[in-house]
């Protein structure tokens, strides 16, 4: 299974993933608010799927990397050059969550 396949869809979850991608790319005014929003958006995306271990694992990995990115912003500021790597990792795990949500909701 290709875990990082780009999924194109016209359903409501597309806007959730678009919002998460925008959140990854943004310079949040409040990293704590960004963390809470990311958790809420991932929960919304997962709401219509059955809860497989692989989905929860991908979601946990996304949150861990997103939290680390927010901590880096807190400590080093939004202009930290290492944020590019963290954003790439966040997008990788977000693509896994998106692909799993899409494949599970089609069953």
C-alpha atoms as a PDB file:
ATOM      1  CA  UNK A   1       0.000   0.000   0.000  1.00  0.00           C
ATOM      2  CA  UNK A   2       1.334   3.433  -0.874  1.00  0.00           C
ATOM      3  CA  UNK A   3       0.996   5.301   2.389  1.00  0.00           C
ATOM      4  CA  UNK A   4       1.824   8.712   0.952  1.00  0.00           C
ATOM      5  CA  UNK A   5      -0.419   8.719  -2.092  1.00  0.00           C
ATOM      6  CA  UNK A   6      -2.076  12.041  -2.754  1.00  0.00           C
ATOM      7  CA  UNK A   7      -5.814  11.631  -2.404  1.00  0.00           C
ATOM      8  CA  UNK A   8      -8.101  13.907  -4.385  1.00  0.00           C
ATOM      9  CA  UNK A   9     -11.667  14.069  -3.161  1.00  0.00           C
ATOM     10  CA  UNK A  10     -14.620  16.410  -3.259  1.00  0.00           C
ATOM     11  CA  UNK A  11     -15.965  15.494   0.151  1.00  0.00           C
ATOM     12  CA  UNK A  12     -15.853  17.515   3.344  1.00  0.00           C
ATOM     13  CA  UNK A  13     -12.672  15.849   4.585  1.00  0.00           C
ATOM     14  CA  UNK A  14     -10.738  17.562   1.777  1.00  0.00           C
ATOM     15  CA  UNK A  15     -11.270  20.901   3.471  1.00  0.00           C
ATOM     16  CA  UNK A  16     -10.061  19.389   6.752  1.00  0.00           C
ATOM     17  CA  UNK A  17      -6.803  18.280   5.132  1.00  0.00           C
ATOM     18  CA  UNK A  18      -6.455  21.578   3.301  1.00  0.00           C
ATOM     19  CA  UNK A  19      -6.822  23.368   6.649  1.00  0.00           C
ATOM     20  CA  UNK A  20      -4.211  21.084   8.215  1.00  0.00           C
ATOM     21  CA  UNK A  21      -1.799  21.730   5.353  1.00  0.00           C
ATOM     22  CA  UNK A  22      -2.344  25.474   5.796  1.00  0.00           C
ATOM     23  CA  UNK A  23      -1.742  25.098   9.530  1.00  0.00           C
ATOM     24  CA  UNK A  24       1.566  23.297   8.885  1.00  0.00           C
ATOM     25  CA  UNK A  25       2.707  26.066   6.534  1.00  0.00           C
ATOM     26  CA  UNK A  26       1.593  28.940   8.748  1.00  0.00           C
ATOM     27  CA  UNK A  27       3.380  31.015  11.336  1.00  0.00           C
ATOM     28  CA  UNK A  28       0.928  30.618  14.191  1.00  0.00           C
ATOM     29  CA  UNK A  29       0.353  33.432  16.606  1.00  0.00           C
ATOM     30  CA  UNK A  30      -0.284  30.855  19.298  1.00  0.00           C
ATOM     31  CA  UNK A  31       1.403  27.449  19.022  1.00  0.00           C
ATOM     32  CA  UNK A  32      -0.923  26.120  21.743  1.00  0.00           C
ATOM     33  CA  UNK A  33      -3.978  27.140  19.716  1.00  0.00           C
ATOM     34  CA  UNK A  34      -2.412  25.583  16.608  1.00  0.00           C
ATOM     35  CA  UNK A  35      -1.868  22.303  18.476  1.00  0.00           C
ATOM     36  CA  UNK A  36      -5.480  22.257  19.646  1.00  0.00           C
ATOM     37  CA  UNK A  37      -6.750  23.022  16.150  1.00  0.00           C
ATOM     38  CA  UNK A  38      -4.602  20.258  14.623  1.00  0.00           C
ATOM     39  CA  UNK A  39      -5.941  17.739  17.125  1.00  0.00           C
ATOM     40  CA  UNK A  40      -9.517  18.812  16.426  1.00  0.00           C
ATOM     41  CA  UNK A  41      -9.058  18.627  12.648  1.00  0.00           C
ATOM     42  CA  UNK A  42      -7.472  15.157  12.782  1.00  0.00           C
ATOM     43  CA  UNK A  43     -10.345  13.980  14.986  1.00  0.00           C
ATOM     44  CA  UNK A  44     -12.831  15.364  12.463  1.00  0.00           C
ATOM     45  CA  UNK A  45     -11.076  13.532   9.624  1.00  0.00           C
ATOM     46  CA  UNK A  46     -11.106  10.272  11.549  1.00  0.00           C
ATOM     47  CA  UNK A  47     -14.728  10.544  12.687  1.00  0.00           C
ATOM     48  CA  UNK A  48     -16.200   8.739   9.681  1.00  0.00           C
ATOM     49  CA  UNK A  49     -13.750   5.849   9.587  1.00  0.00           C
ATOM     50  CA  UNK A  50     -13.395   2.680  11.539  1.00  0.00           C
ATOM     51  CA  UNK A  51     -10.580   2.939  14.025  1.00  0.00           C
ATOM     52  CA  UNK A  52      -7.679   0.808  12.827  1.00  0.00           C
ATOM     53  CA  UNK A  53      -4.344   0.677  14.626  1.00  0.00           C
ATOM     54  CA  UNK A  54      -2.547   1.953  11.542  1.00  0.00           C
ATOM     55  CA  UNK A  55      -4.743   5.055  11.456  1.00  0.00           C
ATOM     56  CA  UNK A  56      -4.193   5.808  15.119  1.00  0.00           C
ATOM     57  CA  UNK A  57      -0.453   5.230  14.703  1.00  0.00           C
ATOM     58  CA  UNK A  58      -0.271   7.658  11.773  1.00  0.00           C
ATOM     59  CA  UNK A  59      -2.331  10.221  13.687  1.00  0.00           C
ATOM     60  CA  UNK A  60      -0.090   9.885  16.749  1.00  0.00           C
ATOM     61  CA  UNK A  61       3.002  10.333  14.574  1.00  0.00           C
ATOM     62  CA  UNK A  62       1.474  13.439  12.987  1.00  0.00           C
ATOM     63  CA  UNK A  63       0.685  14.947  16.388  1.00  0.00           C
ATOM     64  CA  UNK A  64       4.165  14.176  17.738  1.00  0.00           C
ATOM     65  CA  UNK A  65       5.837  15.893  14.782  1.00  0.00           C
ATOM     66  CA  UNK A  66       3.371  18.792  14.776  1.00  0.00           C
ATOM     67  CA  UNK A  67       3.900  19.325  18.528  1.00  0.00           C
ATOM     68  CA  UNK A  68       7.677  19.289  18.012  1.00  0.00           C
ATOM     69  CA  UNK A  69       7.295  21.842  15.217  1.00  0.00           C
ATOM     70  CA  UNK A  70       5.231  24.096  17.511  1.00  0.00           C
ATOM     71  CA  UNK A  71       7.844  23.723  20.277  1.00  0.00           C
ATOM     72  CA  UNK A  72      10.540  24.743  17.798  1.00  0.00           C
ATOM     73  CA  UNK A  73       8.519  27.811  16.876  1.00  0.00           C
ATOM     74  CA  UNK A  74       8.100  28.631  20.578  1.00  0.00           C
ATOM     75  CA  UNK A  75      11.838  28.320  21.200  1.00  0.00           C
ATOM     76  CA  UNK A  76      13.483  29.469  17.965  1.00  0.00           C
ATOM     77  CA  UNK A  77      10.771  31.579  16.343  1.00  0.00           C
ATOM     78  CA  UNK A  78       8.883  31.136  13.090  1.00  0.00           C
ATOM     79  CA  UNK A  79      11.927  32.019  10.990  1.00  0.00           C
ATOM     80  CA  UNK A  80      13.942  28.972  12.148  1.00  0.00           C
ATOM     81  CA  UNK A  81      15.500  27.409   9.013  1.00  0.00           C
ATOM     82  CA  UNK A  82      14.964  23.892  10.398  1.00  0.00           C
ATOM     83  CA  UNK A  83      11.188  24.308  10.205  1.00  0.00           C
ATOM     84  CA  UNK A  84      11.260  23.233   6.557  1.00  0.00           C
ATOM     85  CA  UNK A  85      12.328  19.729   7.553  1.00  0.00           C
ATOM     86  CA  UNK A  86       9.701  19.577  10.289  1.00  0.00           C
ATOM     87  CA  UNK A  87       6.998  20.776   7.897  1.00  0.00           C
ATOM     88  CA  UNK A  88       7.994  18.050   5.423  1.00  0.00           C
ATOM     89  CA  UNK A  89       7.702  15.400   8.129  1.00  0.00           C
ATOM     90  CA  UNK A  90       4.332  16.745   9.255  1.00  0.00           C
ATOM     91  CA  UNK A  91       3.051  16.631   5.686  1.00  0.00           C
ATOM     92  CA  UNK A  92       4.313  13.049   5.296  1.00  0.00           C
ATOM     93  CA  UNK A  93       2.328  11.841   8.310  1.00  0.00           C
ATOM     94  CA  UNK A  94      -0.662  13.974   7.346  1.00  0.00           C
ATOM     95  CA  UNK A  95      -0.680  12.291   3.915  1.00  0.00           C
ATOM     96  CA  UNK A  96      -0.675   8.910   5.662  1.00  0.00           C
ATOM     97  CA  UNK A  97      -3.650   9.899   7.817  1.00  0.00           C
ATOM     98  CA  UNK A  98      -5.486  11.278   4.789  1.00  0.00           C
ATOM     99  CA  UNK A  99      -4.859   8.160   2.682  1.00  0.00           C
ATOM    100  CA  UNK A 100      -5.989   5.860   5.487  1.00  0.00           C
ATOM    101  CA  UNK A 101      -9.105   7.923   6.210  1.00  0.00           C
ATOM    102  CA  UNK A 102     -10.032   7.917   2.545  1.00  0.00           C
ATOM    103  CA  UNK A 103      -9.437   4.190   2.069  1.00  0.00           C
ATOM    104  CA  UNK A 104     -11.374   3.272   5.190  1.00  0.00           C
ATOM    105  CA  UNK A 105     -14.349   5.527   4.462  1.00  0.00           C
ATOM    106  CA  UNK A 106     -14.781   3.877   1.044  1.00  0.00           C
ATOM    107  CA  UNK A 107     -15.376   0.432   2.557  1.00  0.00           C
END
